[in-house]
Amino acid sequence: MIDLYSWATPNGHKVHIMLEECGLPYRVHGIDIGKGEQFAPEFLAISPNNKIPAIVDPEGPDGQPISLFESGAIL
């Protein structure tokens, strides 16, 4: 299952819609940018440039987790 880290922004909605349209199972993790949660060390490990949205696919290439961040790269 894909983990989506996002907030209610236009770019966050793009990825949410794409995952729905593709029929991929996913979990949403809210990253409150108003509170600065995008700067938390746990989130920076996923998105080093502190940008949302970000996704983590635990079953990436060779069975290793892979992180993608920013809507253009994810789409």
C-alpha atoms as a PDB file:
ATOM      1  CA  MET A   1       0.000   0.000   0.000  1.00  0.00           C
ATOM      2  CA  ILE A   2       1.300   3.440  -0.943  1.00  0.00           C
ATOM      3  CA  ASP A   3       1.665   6.095   1.752  1.00  0.00           C
ATOM      4  CA  LEU A   4       0.649   9.601   0.634  1.00  0.00           C
ATOM      5  CA  TYR A   5       2.001  12.504   2.669  1.00  0.00           C
ATOM      6  CA  SER A   6       0.077  15.613   1.786  1.00  0.00           C
ATOM      7  CA  TRP A   7      -2.111  18.519   2.801  1.00  0.00           C
ATOM      8  CA  ALA A   8      -5.195  20.147   1.283  1.00  0.00           C
ATOM      9  CA  THR A   9      -3.371  22.002  -1.491  1.00  0.00           C
ATOM     10  CA  PRO A  10      -3.912  21.913  -5.263  1.00  0.00           C
ATOM     11  CA  ASN A  11      -0.788  19.802  -5.786  1.00  0.00           C
ATOM     12  CA  GLY A  12      -1.810  17.456  -2.991  1.00  0.00           C
ATOM     13  CA  HIS A  13      -5.207  16.992  -4.611  1.00  0.00           C
ATOM     14  CA  LYS A  14      -3.573  16.111  -7.951  1.00  0.00           C
ATOM     15  CA  VAL A  15      -1.809  13.091  -6.477  1.00  0.00           C
ATOM     16  CA  HIS A  16      -4.861  12.028  -4.482  1.00  0.00           C
ATOM     17  CA  ILE A  17      -6.950  12.086  -7.674  1.00  0.00           C
ATOM     18  CA  MET A  18      -4.296  10.167  -9.627  1.00  0.00           C
ATOM     19  CA  LEU A  19      -4.154   7.412  -6.998  1.00  0.00           C
ATOM     20  CA  GLU A  20      -7.958   7.152  -7.026  1.00  0.00           C
ATOM     21  CA  GLU A  21      -8.129   7.027 -10.827  1.00  0.00           C
ATOM     22  CA  CYS A  22      -5.417   4.355 -10.967  1.00  0.00           C
ATOM     23  CA  GLY A  23      -7.240   2.293  -8.353  1.00  0.00           C
ATOM     24  CA  LEU A  24      -4.128   2.009  -6.204  1.00  0.00           C
ATOM     25  CA  PRO A  25      -4.543   1.358  -2.486  1.00  0.00           C
ATOM     26  CA  TYR A  26      -3.071   4.130  -0.335  1.00  0.00           C
ATOM     27  CA  ARG A  27      -3.067   5.689   3.125  1.00  0.00           C
ATOM     28  CA  VAL A  28      -3.102   9.450   3.665  1.00  0.00           C
ATOM     29  CA  HIS A  29      -0.824  11.073   6.228  1.00  0.00           C
ATOM     30  CA  GLY A  30      -1.602  14.743   6.802  1.00  0.00           C
ATOM     31  CA  ILE A  31       1.401  17.078   6.828  1.00  0.00           C
ATOM     32  CA  ASP A  32       0.162  20.363   8.314  1.00  0.00           C
ATOM     33  CA  ILE A  33       2.233  22.975   6.520  1.00  0.00           C
ATOM     34  CA  GLY A  34       0.656  25.708   8.676  1.00  0.00           C
ATOM     35  CA  LYS A  35       2.336  24.122  11.702  1.00  0.00           C
ATOM     36  CA  GLY A  36       5.606  23.519   9.853  1.00  0.00           C
ATOM     37  CA  GLU A  37       5.306  19.719   9.944  1.00  0.00           C
ATOM     38  CA  GLN A  38       7.107  19.559   6.583  1.00  0.00           C
ATOM     39  CA  PHE A  39      10.307  20.432   8.472  1.00  0.00           C
ATOM     40  CA  ALA A  40      10.079  17.495  10.899  1.00  0.00           C
ATOM     41  CA  PRO A  41      13.048  15.104  10.648  1.00  0.00           C
ATOM     42  CA  GLU A  42      10.693  12.176   9.973  1.00  0.00           C
ATOM     43  CA  PHE A  43       9.204  13.938   6.949  1.00  0.00           C
ATOM     44  CA  LEU A  44      12.577  15.222   5.707  1.00  0.00           C
ATOM     45  CA  ALA A  45      13.702  11.577   5.510  1.00  0.00           C
ATOM     46  CA  ILE A  46      10.925  11.102   2.923  1.00  0.00           C
ATOM     47  CA  SER A  47      11.091  14.477   1.166  1.00  0.00           C
ATOM     48  CA  PRO A  48      14.533  16.061   1.696  1.00  0.00           C
ATOM     49  CA  ASN A  49      13.445  19.335   0.073  1.00  0.00           C
ATOM     50  CA  ASN A  50      10.491  19.559   2.534  1.00  0.00           C
ATOM     51  CA  LYS A  51       7.898  19.651  -0.264  1.00  0.00           C
ATOM     52  CA  ILE A  52       4.483  18.037  -0.336  1.00  0.00           C
ATOM     53  CA  PRO A  53       3.002  15.886  -1.668  1.00  0.00           C
ATOM     54  CA  ALA A  54       5.259  12.895  -1.219  1.00  0.00           C
ATOM     55  CA  ILE A  55       4.586   9.192  -1.589  1.00  0.00           C
ATOM     56  CA  VAL A  56       6.369   6.112  -0.315  1.00  0.00           C
ATOM     57  CA  ASP A  57       5.919   2.801  -2.089  1.00  0.00           C
ATOM     58  CA  PRO A  58       7.196   0.104   0.284  1.00  0.00           C
ATOM     59  CA  GLU A  59       7.357  -2.350  -2.627  1.00  0.00           C
ATOM     60  CA  GLY A  60       9.545  -0.321  -4.960  1.00  0.00           C
ATOM     61  CA  PRO A  61      12.292  -1.610  -7.259  1.00  0.00           C
ATOM     62  CA  ASP A  62      13.892  -4.846  -6.066  1.00  0.00           C
ATOM     63  CA  GLY A  63      11.422  -4.896  -3.171  1.00  0.00           C
ATOM     64  CA  GLN A  64      13.003  -1.827  -1.585  1.00  0.00           C
ATOM     65  CA  PRO A  65      10.936   1.193  -0.482  1.00  0.00           C
ATOM     66  CA  ILE A  66      11.058   4.218  -2.773  1.00  0.00           C
ATOM     67  CA  SER A  67      10.085   7.823  -2.047  1.00  0.00           C
ATOM     68  CA  LEU A  68       8.893  10.330  -4.626  1.00  0.00           C
ATOM     69  CA  PHE A  69       8.136  13.949  -3.863  1.00  0.00           C
ATOM     70  CA  GLU A  70       6.552  16.896  -5.657  1.00  0.00           C
ATOM     71  CA  SER A  71       3.433  16.344  -7.737  1.00  0.00           C
ATOM     72  CA  GLY A  72       5.151  16.633 -11.133  1.00  0.00           C
ATOM     73  CA  ALA A  73       7.560  13.806 -10.319  1.00  0.00           C
ATOM     74  CA  ILE A  74       4.827  11.635  -8.815  1.00  0.00           C
ATOM     75  CA  LEU A  75       2.432  12.064 -11.717  1.00  0.00           C
END
